[in-house]
Amino acid sequence: MNPARLKLVLAALWLVPAAGLLAAEAWQGRVLAALPVGGARLPLSWLFLAFAAFNLLRWWAGRSTRASGERWRAFRERPRRRDAGTDADPDLRFDDPPR
């Protein structure tokens, strides 16, 4: 499977339980599942949303990196032009010994 597509699938897999828990919590008016963190309780729906956002961020970063890499590769492999009618300046040729 394509790694970029896998990141989107993982984001969707985290988003589905997050949406379900958020809907159930909104319907019942209380937090259904939470993790104790310090003295507070962290709702699992927020944790699932954070994981989904993290995977979406990984997908977006991969896309932007791949796009910039393709632009750089196209720039490096562009055809080089040289004017056929002009000769190189002999004063700027450093591969020949000095006169």
PDB file of N, CA and C in Angstrom:
ATOM      1  N   MET A   1       0.848  -1.177   0.000  1.00  0.00           N
ATOM      2  CA  MET A   1       0.000   0.000   0.000  1.00  0.00           C
ATOM      3  C   MET A   1       0.889   1.235   0.000  1.00  0.00           C
ATOM      4  N   ASN A   2       0.432   2.243  -0.678  1.00  0.00           N
ATOM      5  CA  ASN A   2       1.129   3.521  -0.756  1.00  0.00           C
ATOM      6  C   ASN A   2       1.213   4.150   0.641  1.00  0.00           C
ATOM      7  N   PRO A   3       2.407   4.591   1.088  1.00  0.00           N
ATOM      8  CA  PRO A   3       2.524   5.169   2.437  1.00  0.00           C
ATOM      9  C   PRO A   3       1.651   6.402   2.646  1.00  0.00           C
ATOM     10  N   ALA A   4       1.481   7.223   1.609  1.00  0.00           N
ATOM     11  CA  ALA A   4       0.629   8.406   1.753  1.00  0.00           C
ATOM     12  C   ALA A   4      -0.825   7.992   1.968  1.00  0.00           C
ATOM     13  N   ARG A   5      -1.258   6.986   1.233  1.00  0.00           N
ATOM     14  CA  ARG A   5      -2.630   6.509   1.391  1.00  0.00           C
ATOM     15  C   ARG A   5      -2.827   5.845   2.749  1.00  0.00           C
ATOM     16  N   LEU A   6      -1.796   5.164   3.236  1.00  0.00           N
ATOM     17  CA  LEU A   6      -1.870   4.527   4.545  1.00  0.00           C
ATOM     18  C   LEU A   6      -2.064   5.568   5.650  1.00  0.00           C
ATOM     19  N   LYS A   7      -1.406   6.699   5.532  1.00  0.00           N
ATOM     20  CA  LYS A   7      -1.567   7.759   6.528  1.00  0.00           C
ATOM     21  C   LYS A   7      -2.992   8.299   6.529  1.00  0.00           C
ATOM     22  N   LEU A   8      -3.594   8.403   5.356  1.00  0.00           N
ATOM     23  CA  LEU A   8      -4.994   8.841   5.292  1.00  0.00           C
ATOM     24  C   LEU A   8      -5.934   7.797   5.888  1.00  0.00           C
ATOM     25  N   VAL A   9      -5.647   6.530   5.643  1.00  0.00           N
ATOM     26  CA  VAL A   9      -6.479   5.462   6.204  1.00  0.00           C
ATOM     27  C   VAL A   9      -6.370   5.460   7.724  1.00  0.00           C
ATOM     28  N   LEU A  10      -5.165   5.635   8.243  1.00  0.00           N
ATOM     29  CA  LEU A  10      -4.986   5.692   9.694  1.00  0.00           C
ATOM     30  C   LEU A  10      -5.717   6.890  10.293  1.00  0.00           C
ATOM     31  N   ALA A  11      -5.673   8.022   9.596  1.00  0.00           N
ATOM     32  CA  ALA A  11      -6.403   9.199  10.088  1.00  0.00           C
ATOM     33  C   ALA A  11      -7.897   8.907  10.144  1.00  0.00           C
ATOM     34  N   ALA A  12      -8.419   8.239   9.121  1.00  0.00           N
ATOM     35  CA  ALA A  12      -9.843   7.904   9.118  1.00  0.00           C
ATOM     36  C   ALA A  12     -10.174   6.897  10.220  1.00  0.00           C
ATOM     37  N   LEU A  13      -9.270   5.935  10.443  1.00  0.00           N
ATOM     38  CA  LEU A  13      -9.505   4.949  11.503  1.00  0.00           C
ATOM     39  C   LEU A  13      -9.534   5.598  12.883  1.00  0.00           C
ATOM     40  N   TRP A  14      -8.750   6.642  13.107  1.00  0.00           N
ATOM     41  CA  TRP A  14      -8.793   7.347  14.379  1.00  0.00           C
ATOM     42  C   TRP A  14      -9.981   8.304  14.442  1.00  0.00           C
ATOM     43  N   LEU A  15     -10.396   8.817  13.291  1.00  0.00           N
ATOM     44  CA  LEU A  15     -11.483   9.795  13.267  1.00  0.00           C
ATOM     45  C   LEU A  15     -12.849   9.156  13.518  1.00  0.00           C
ATOM     46  N   VAL A  16     -13.035   7.928  13.093  1.00  0.00           N
ATOM     47  CA  VAL A  16     -14.332   7.255  13.269  1.00  0.00           C
ATOM     48  C   VAL A  16     -14.682   7.068  14.749  1.00  0.00           C
ATOM     49  N   PRO A  17     -13.801   6.487  15.588  1.00  0.00           N
ATOM     50  CA  PRO A  17     -14.187   6.367  16.998  1.00  0.00           C
ATOM     51  C   PRO A  17     -14.252   7.727  17.701  1.00  0.00           C
ATOM     52  N   ALA A  18     -13.435   8.678  17.251  1.00  0.00           N
ATOM     53  CA  ALA A  18     -13.500  10.013  17.855  1.00  0.00           C
ATOM     54  C   ALA A  18     -14.861  10.648  17.598  1.00  0.00           C
ATOM     55  N   ALA A  19     -15.339  10.547  16.368  1.00  0.00           N
ATOM     56  CA  ALA A  19     -16.654  11.114  16.052  1.00  0.00           C
ATOM     57  C   ALA A  19     -17.762  10.375  16.804  1.00  0.00           C
ATOM     58  N   GLY A  20     -17.651   9.064  16.900  1.00  0.00           N
ATOM     59  CA  GLY A  20     -18.657   8.293  17.629  1.00  0.00           C
ATOM     60  C   GLY A  20     -18.700   8.650  19.107  1.00  0.00           C
ATOM     61  N   LEU A  21     -17.527   8.749  19.721  1.00  0.00           N
ATOM     62  CA  LEU A  21     -17.484   9.119  21.135  1.00  0.00           C
ATOM     63  C   LEU A  21     -17.965  10.551  21.358  1.00  0.00           C
ATOM     64  N   LEU A  22     -17.575  11.468  20.472  1.00  0.00           N
ATOM     65  CA  LEU A  22     -18.039  12.854  20.610  1.00  0.00           C
ATOM     66  C   LEU A  22     -19.553  12.938  20.476  1.00  0.00           C
ATOM     67  N   ALA A  23     -20.122  12.178  19.539  1.00  0.00           N
ATOM     68  CA  ALA A  23     -21.578  12.191  19.370  1.00  0.00           C
ATOM     69  C   ALA A  23     -22.275  11.606  20.595  1.00  0.00           C
ATOM     70  N   ALA A  24     -21.747  10.502  21.121  1.00  0.00           N
ATOM     71  CA  ALA A  24     -22.343   9.884  22.308  1.00  0.00           C
ATOM     72  C   ALA A  24     -22.216  10.796  23.525  1.00  0.00           C
ATOM     73  N   GLU A  25     -21.075  11.475  23.653  1.00  0.00           N
ATOM     74  CA  GLU A  25     -20.893  12.388  24.776  1.00  0.00           C
ATOM     75  C   GLU A  25     -21.809  13.595  24.659  1.00  0.00           C
ATOM     76  N   ALA A  26     -22.018  14.083  23.442  1.00  0.00           N
ATOM     77  CA  ALA A  26     -22.929  15.213  23.253  1.00  0.00           C
ATOM     78  C   ALA A  26     -24.370  14.796  23.529  1.00  0.00           C
ATOM     79  N   TRP A  27     -24.706  13.562  23.173  1.00  0.00           N
ATOM     80  CA  TRP A  27     -26.079  13.091  23.355  1.00  0.00           C
ATOM     81  C   TRP A  27     -26.376  12.833  24.835  1.00  0.00           C
ATOM     82  N   GLN A  28     -25.408  12.254  25.540  1.00  0.00           N
ATOM     83  CA  GLN A  28     -25.635  11.936  26.943  1.00  0.00           C
ATOM     84  C   GLN A  28     -25.254  13.070  27.890  1.00  0.00           C
ATOM     85  N   GLY A  29     -24.443  13.988  27.436  1.00  0.00           N
ATOM     86  CA  GLY A  29     -24.073  15.123  28.264  1.00  0.00           C
ATOM     87  C   GLY A  29     -22.977  14.843  29.275  1.00  0.00           C
ATOM     88  N   ARG A  30     -22.266  13.740  29.127  1.00  0.00           N
ATOM     89  CA  ARG A  30     -21.174  13.429  30.053  1.00  0.00           C
ATOM     90  C   ARG A  30     -20.089  12.675  29.285  1.00  0.00           C
ATOM     91  N   VAL A  31     -18.897  12.655  29.862  1.00  0.00           N
ATOM     92  CA  VAL A  31     -17.764  11.949  29.248  1.00  0.00           C
ATOM     93  C   VAL A  31     -17.920  10.456  29.508  1.00  0.00           C
ATOM     94  N   LEU A  32     -17.875   9.667  28.447  1.00  0.00           N
ATOM     95  CA  LEU A  32     -18.076   8.224  28.583  1.00  0.00           C
ATOM     96  C   LEU A  32     -16.790   7.496  28.953  1.00  0.00           C
ATOM     97  N   ALA A  33     -15.692   7.850  28.309  1.00  0.00           N
ATOM     98  CA  ALA A  33     -14.419   7.166  28.566  1.00  0.00           C
ATOM     99  C   ALA A  33     -13.334   8.226  28.673  1.00  0.00           C
ATOM    100  N   ALA A  34     -12.528   8.105  29.721  1.00  0.00           N
ATOM    101  CA  ALA A  34     -11.461   9.082  29.927  1.00  0.00           C
ATOM    102  C   ALA A  34     -10.255   8.408  30.553  1.00  0.00           C
ATOM    103  N   LEU A  35      -9.099   9.001  30.291  1.00  0.00           N
ATOM    104  CA  LEU A  35      -7.855   8.531  30.895  1.00  0.00           C
ATOM    105  C   LEU A  35      -7.463   9.491  32.011  1.00  0.00           C
ATOM    106  N   PRO A  36      -7.073   8.966  33.158  1.00  0.00           N
ATOM    107  CA  PRO A  36      -6.605   9.869  34.210  1.00  0.00           C
ATOM    108  C   PRO A  36      -5.190  10.358  33.900  1.00  0.00           C
ATOM    109  N   VAL A  37      -5.038  11.661  33.752  1.00  0.00           N
ATOM    110  CA  VAL A  37      -3.737  12.274  33.472  1.00  0.00           C
ATOM    111  C   VAL A  37      -3.498  13.299  34.572  1.00  0.00           C
ATOM    112  N   GLY A  38      -2.592  12.989  35.477  1.00  0.00           N
ATOM    113  CA  GLY A  38      -2.369  13.864  36.616  1.00  0.00           C
ATOM    114  C   GLY A  38      -3.616  13.879  37.481  1.00  0.00           C
ATOM    115  N   GLY A  39      -4.136  15.072  37.739  1.00  0.00           N
ATOM    116  CA  GLY A  39      -5.354  15.187  38.523  1.00  0.00           C
ATOM    117  C   GLY A  39      -6.591  15.356  37.659  1.00  0.00           C
ATOM    118  N   ALA A  40      -6.416  15.362  36.328  1.00  0.00           N
ATOM    119  CA  ALA A  40      -7.545  15.574  35.415  1.00  0.00           C
ATOM    120  C   ALA A  40      -7.854  14.289  34.661  1.00  0.00           C
ATOM    121  N   ARG A  41      -8.990  14.303  33.983  1.00  0.00           N
ATOM    122  CA  ARG A  41      -9.381  13.172  33.136  1.00  0.00           C
ATOM    123  C   ARG A  41      -9.407  13.640  31.694  1.00  0.00           C
ATOM    124  N   LEU A  42      -8.669  12.941  30.834  1.00  0.00           N
ATOM    125  CA  LEU A  42      -8.590  13.272  29.413  1.00  0.00           C
ATOM    126  C   LEU A  42      -9.571  12.388  28.653  1.00  0.00           C
ATOM    127  N   PRO A  43     -10.594  12.983  28.026  1.00  0.00           N
ATOM    128  CA  PRO A  43     -11.550  12.170  27.261  1.00  0.00           C
ATOM    129  C   PRO A  43     -10.863  11.450  26.099  1.00  0.00           C
ATOM    130  N   LEU A  44     -11.205  10.210  25.885  1.00  0.00           N
ATOM    131  CA  LEU A  44     -10.614   9.430  24.798  1.00  0.00           C
ATOM    132  C   LEU A  44     -10.945  10.013  23.427  1.00  0.00           C
ATOM    133  N   SER A  45     -12.084  10.674  23.326  1.00  0.00           N
ATOM    134  CA  SER A  45     -12.440  11.264  22.038  1.00  0.00           C
ATOM    135  C   SER A  45     -11.413  12.315  21.626  1.00  0.00           C
ATOM    136  N   TRP A  46     -10.923  13.095  22.576  1.00  0.00           N
ATOM    137  CA  TRP A  46      -9.908  14.101  22.251  1.00  0.00           C
ATOM    138  C   TRP A  46      -8.578  13.446  21.898  1.00  0.00           C
ATOM    139  N   LEU A  47      -8.262  12.354  22.558  1.00  0.00           N
ATOM    140  CA  LEU A  47      -7.043  11.620  22.238  1.00  0.00           C
ATOM    141  C   LEU A  47      -7.123  11.043  20.818  1.00  0.00           C
ATOM    142  N   PHE A  48      -8.277  10.477  20.474  1.00  0.00           N
ATOM    143  CA  PHE A  48      -8.471   9.958  19.112  1.00  0.00           C
ATOM    144  C   PHE A  48      -8.387  11.076  18.080  1.00  0.00           C
ATOM    145  N   LEU A  49      -8.948  12.234  18.392  1.00  0.00           N
ATOM    146  CA  LEU A  49      -8.851  13.381  17.474  1.00  0.00           C
ATOM    147  C   LEU A  49      -7.404  13.826  17.299  1.00  0.00           C
ATOM    148  N   ALA A  50      -6.631  13.789  18.368  1.00  0.00           N
ATOM    149  CA  ALA A  50      -5.215  14.167  18.272  1.00  0.00           C
ATOM    150  C   ALA A  50      -4.453  13.188  17.375  1.00  0.00           C
ATOM    151  N   PHE A  51      -4.736  11.895  17.511  1.00  0.00           N
ATOM    152  CA  PHE A  51      -4.078  10.912  16.652  1.00  0.00           C
ATOM    153  C   PHE A  51      -4.487  11.101  15.187  1.00  0.00           C
ATOM    154  N   ALA A  52      -5.748  11.401  14.938  1.00  0.00           N
ATOM    155  CA  ALA A  52      -6.197  11.646  13.567  1.00  0.00           C
ATOM    156  C   ALA A  52      -5.514  12.887  12.999  1.00  0.00           C
ATOM    157  N   ALA A  53      -5.424  13.948  13.790  1.00  0.00           N
ATOM    158  CA  ALA A  53      -4.760  15.173  13.327  1.00  0.00           C
ATOM    159  C   ALA A  53      -3.278  14.907  13.059  1.00  0.00           C
ATOM    160  N   PHE A  54      -2.650  14.101  13.906  1.00  0.00           N
ATOM    161  CA  PHE A  54      -1.236  13.764  13.711  1.00  0.00           C
ATOM    162  C   PHE A  54      -1.027  13.031  12.389  1.00  0.00           C
ATOM    163  N   ASN A  55      -1.891  12.071  12.074  1.00  0.00           N
ATOM    164  CA  ASN A  55      -1.752  11.340  10.812  1.00  0.00           C
ATOM    165  C   ASN A  55      -2.053  12.224   9.610  1.00  0.00           C
ATOM    166  N   LEU A  56      -3.013  13.128   9.747  1.00  0.00           N
ATOM    167  CA  LEU A  56      -3.268  14.073   8.656  1.00  0.00           C
ATOM    168  C   LEU A  56      -2.076  14.999   8.456  1.00  0.00           C
ATOM    169  N   LEU A  57      -1.440  15.419   9.528  1.00  0.00           N
ATOM    170  CA  LEU A  57      -0.249  16.264   9.426  1.00  0.00           C
ATOM    171  C   LEU A  57       0.897  15.511   8.762  1.00  0.00           C
ATOM    172  N   ARG A  58       1.072  14.236   9.108  1.00  0.00           N
ATOM    173  CA  ARG A  58       2.105  13.419   8.457  1.00  0.00           C
ATOM    174  C   ARG A  58       1.827  13.274   6.964  1.00  0.00           C
ATOM    175  N   TRP A  59       0.564  13.078   6.598  1.00  0.00           N
ATOM    176  CA  TRP A  59       0.196  12.954   5.186  1.00  0.00           C
ATOM    177  C   TRP A  59       0.479  14.250   4.452  1.00  0.00           C
ATOM    178  N   TRP A  60       0.081  15.389   5.046  1.00  0.00           N
ATOM    179  CA  TRP A  60       0.284  16.685   4.403  1.00  0.00           C
ATOM    180  C   TRP A  60       1.776  16.990   4.258  1.00  0.00           C
ATOM    181  N   ALA A  61       2.569  16.700   5.284  1.00  0.00           N
ATOM    182  CA  ALA A  61       4.007  16.955   5.215  1.00  0.00           C
ATOM    183  C   ALA A  61       4.658  16.105   4.125  1.00  0.00           C
ATOM    184  N   GLY A  62       4.227  14.875   3.982  1.00  0.00           N
ATOM    185  CA  GLY A  62       4.761  14.019   2.926  1.00  0.00           C
ATOM    186  C   GLY A  62       4.404  14.524   1.543  1.00  0.00           C
ATOM    187  N   ARG A  63       3.203  15.028   1.391  1.00  0.00           N
ATOM    188  CA  ARG A  63       2.795  15.577   0.095  1.00  0.00           C
ATOM    189  C   ARG A  63       3.606  16.807  -0.261  1.00  0.00           C
ATOM    190  N   SER A  64       3.765  17.725   0.693  1.00  0.00           N
ATOM    191  CA  SER A  64       4.489  18.953   0.392  1.00  0.00           C
ATOM    192  C   SER A  64       5.968  18.668   0.148  1.00  0.00           C
ATOM    193  N   THR A  65       6.548  17.713   0.884  1.00  0.00           N
ATOM    194  CA  THR A  65       7.946  17.350   0.670  1.00  0.00           C
ATOM    195  C   THR A  65       8.123  16.696  -0.693  1.00  0.00           C
ATOM    196  N   ARG A  66       7.210  15.817  -1.057  1.00  0.00           N
ATOM    197  CA  ARG A  66       7.298  15.146  -2.354  1.00  0.00           C
ATOM    198  C   ARG A  66       7.143  16.147  -3.489  1.00  0.00           C
ATOM    199  N   ALA A  67       6.239  17.117  -3.335  1.00  0.00           N
ATOM    200  CA  ALA A  67       6.034  18.108  -4.385  1.00  0.00           C
ATOM    201  C   ALA A  67       7.264  18.990  -4.553  1.00  0.00           C
ATOM    202  N   SER A  68       7.873  19.407  -3.446  1.00  0.00           N
ATOM    203  CA  SER A  68       9.064  20.244  -3.564  1.00  0.00           C
ATOM    204  C   SER A  68      10.226  19.431  -4.130  1.00  0.00           C
ATOM    205  N   GLY A  69      10.310  18.143  -3.790  1.00  0.00           N
ATOM    206  CA  GLY A  69      11.353  17.297  -4.347  1.00  0.00           C
ATOM    207  C   GLY A  69      11.198  17.121  -5.849  1.00  0.00           C
ATOM    208  N   GLU A  70       9.964  17.002  -6.303  1.00  0.00           N
ATOM    209  CA  GLU A  70       9.730  16.874  -7.745  1.00  0.00           C
ATOM    210  C   GLU A  70      10.083  18.167  -8.467  1.00  0.00           C
ATOM    211  N   ARG A  71       9.769  19.307  -7.853  1.00  0.00           N
ATOM    212  CA  ARG A  71      10.133  20.585  -8.481  1.00  0.00           C
ATOM    213  C   ARG A  71      11.648  20.730  -8.540  1.00  0.00           C
ATOM    214  N   TRP A  72      12.350  20.338  -7.474  1.00  0.00           N
ATOM    215  CA  TRP A  72      13.799  20.432  -7.455  1.00  0.00           C
ATOM    216  C   TRP A  72      14.410  19.493  -8.489  1.00  0.00           C
ATOM    217  N   ARG A  73      13.877  18.279  -8.603  1.00  0.00           N
ATOM    218  CA  ARG A  73      14.384  17.323  -9.585  1.00  0.00           C
ATOM    219  C   ARG A  73      14.172  17.846 -11.002  1.00  0.00           C
ATOM    220  N   ALA A  74      13.016  18.446 -11.257  1.00  0.00           N
ATOM    221  CA  ALA A  74      12.764  19.006 -12.590  1.00  0.00           C
ATOM    222  C   ALA A  74      13.713  20.163 -12.874  1.00  0.00           C
ATOM    223  N   PHE A  75      14.016  20.952 -11.854  1.00  0.00           N
ATOM    224  CA  PHE A  75      14.944  22.063 -12.040  1.00  0.00           C
ATOM    225  C   PHE A  75      16.350  21.554 -12.346  1.00  0.00           C
ATOM    226  N   ARG A  76      16.790  20.514 -11.615  1.00  0.00           N
ATOM    227  CA  ARG A  76      18.128  19.972 -11.834  1.00  0.00           C
ATOM    228  C   ARG A  76      18.259  19.303 -13.187  1.00  0.00           C
ATOM    229  N   GLU A  77      17.217  18.658 -13.663  1.00  0.00           N
ATOM    230  CA  GLU A  77      17.295  17.902 -14.909  1.00  0.00           C
ATOM    231  C   GLU A  77      16.805  18.684 -16.119  1.00  0.00           C
ATOM    232  N   ARG A  78      16.657  19.985 -15.957  1.00  0.00           N
ATOM    233  CA  ARG A  78      16.197  20.797 -17.087  1.00  0.00           C
ATOM    234  C   ARG A  78      17.276  20.793 -18.175  1.00  0.00           C
ATOM    235  N   PRO A  79      16.889  20.926 -19.424  1.00  0.00           N
ATOM    236  CA  PRO A  79      17.892  20.964 -20.491  1.00  0.00           C
ATOM    237  C   PRO A  79      18.689  22.264 -20.396  1.00  0.00           C
ATOM    238  N   ARG A  80      19.977  22.145 -20.522  1.00  0.00           N
ATOM    239  CA  ARG A  80      20.840  23.318 -20.435  1.00  0.00           C
ATOM    240  C   ARG A  80      21.057  23.888 -21.821  1.00  0.00           C
ATOM    241  N   ARG A  81      21.007  25.192 -21.888  1.00  0.00           N
ATOM    242  CA  ARG A  81      21.168  25.900 -23.155  1.00  0.00           C
ATOM    243  C   ARG A  81      22.557  26.500 -23.225  1.00  0.00           C
ATOM    244  N   ARG A  82      23.135  26.468 -24.369  1.00  0.00           N
ATOM    245  CA  ARG A  82      24.400  27.152 -24.586  1.00  0.00           C
ATOM    246  C   ARG A  82      24.320  27.829 -25.938  1.00  0.00           C
ATOM    247  N   ASP A  83      24.672  29.082 -25.955  1.00  0.00           N
ATOM    248  CA  ASP A  83      24.639  29.821 -27.222  1.00  0.00           C
ATOM    249  C   ASP A  83      25.725  29.280 -28.140  1.00  0.00           C
ATOM    250  N   ALA A  84      25.340  28.819 -29.320  1.00  0.00           N
ATOM    251  CA  ALA A  84      26.284  28.207 -30.246  1.00  0.00           C
ATOM    252  C   ALA A  84      27.119  29.257 -30.965  1.00  0.00           C
ATOM    253  N   GLY A  85      26.625  30.483 -31.093  1.00  0.00           N
ATOM    254  CA  GLY A  85      27.332  31.504 -31.855  1.00  0.00           C
ATOM    255  C   GLY A  85      28.432  32.212 -31.086  1.00  0.00           C
ATOM    256  N   THR A  86      28.500  32.075 -29.802  1.00  0.00           N
ATOM    257  CA  THR A  86      29.516  32.803 -29.037  1.00  0.00           C
ATOM    258  C   THR A  86      30.568  31.833 -28.531  1.00  0.00           C
ATOM    259  N   ASP A  87      31.800  32.256 -28.599  1.00  0.00           N
ATOM    260  CA  ASP A  87      32.901  31.464 -28.060  1.00  0.00           C
ATOM    261  C   ASP A  87      33.126  31.863 -26.610  1.00  0.00           C
ATOM    262  N   ALA A  88      33.664  30.952 -25.858  1.00  0.00           N
ATOM    263  CA  ALA A  88      33.954  31.245 -24.459  1.00  0.00           C
ATOM    264  C   ALA A  88      35.099  32.247 -24.373  1.00  0.00           C
ATOM    265  N   ASP A  89      35.054  33.103 -23.401  1.00  0.00           N
ATOM    266  CA  ASP A  89      36.096  34.091 -23.182  1.00  0.00           C
ATOM    267  C   ASP A  89      37.362  33.370 -22.729  1.00  0.00           C
ATOM    268  N   PRO A  90      38.470  33.526 -23.450  1.00  0.00           N
ATOM    269  CA  PRO A  90      39.683  32.795 -23.071  1.00  0.00           C
ATOM    270  C   PRO A  90      40.244  33.242 -21.728  1.00  0.00           C
ATOM    271  N   ASP A  91      39.897  34.439 -21.258  1.00  0.00           N
ATOM    272  CA  ASP A  91      40.393  34.896 -19.959  1.00  0.00           C
ATOM    273  C   ASP A  91      39.698  34.179 -18.807  1.00  0.00           C
ATOM    274  N   LEU A  92      38.552  33.557 -19.078  1.00  0.00           N
ATOM    275  CA  LEU A  92      37.795  32.898 -18.025  1.00  0.00           C
ATOM    276  C   LEU A  92      37.937  31.385 -18.058  1.00  0.00           C
ATOM    277  N   ARG A  93      38.864  30.881 -18.847  1.00  0.00           N
ATOM    278  CA  ARG A  93      39.090  29.437 -18.896  1.00  0.00           C
ATOM    279  C   ARG A  93      40.182  29.089 -17.907  1.00  0.00           C
ATOM    280  N   PHE A  94      39.815  28.381 -16.850  1.00  0.00           N
ATOM    281  CA  PHE A  94      40.747  28.079 -15.791  1.00  0.00           C
ATOM    282  C   PHE A  94      41.368  26.692 -15.928  1.00  0.00           C
ATOM    283  N   ASP A  95      40.941  25.925 -16.889  1.00  0.00           N
ATOM    284  CA  ASP A  95      41.525  24.600 -17.058  1.00  0.00           C
ATOM    285  C   ASP A  95      42.812  24.642 -17.878  1.00  0.00           C
ATOM    286  N   ASP A  96      43.047  25.720 -18.634  1.00  0.00           N
ATOM    287  CA  ASP A  96      44.292  25.881 -19.392  1.00  0.00           C
ATOM    288  C   ASP A  96      45.320  26.584 -18.510  1.00  0.00           C
ATOM    289  N   PRO A  97      46.591  26.305 -18.711  1.00  0.00           N
ATOM    290  CA  PRO A  97      47.611  27.026 -17.935  1.00  0.00           C
ATOM    291  C   PRO A  97      47.605  28.505 -18.299  1.00  0.00           C
ATOM    292  N   PRO A  98      48.013  29.388 -17.390  1.00  0.00           N
ATOM    293  CA  PRO A  98      48.012  30.815 -17.709  1.00  0.00           C
ATOM    294  C   PRO A  98      48.995  31.139 -18.830  1.00  0.00           C
ATOM    295  N   ARG A  99      48.677  32.172 -19.581  1.00  0.00           N
ATOM    296  CA  ARG A  99      49.518  32.579 -20.707  1.00  0.00           C
ATOM    297  C   ARG A  99      50.607  33.483 -20.249  1.00  0.00           C
TER     298      ARG A  99
END
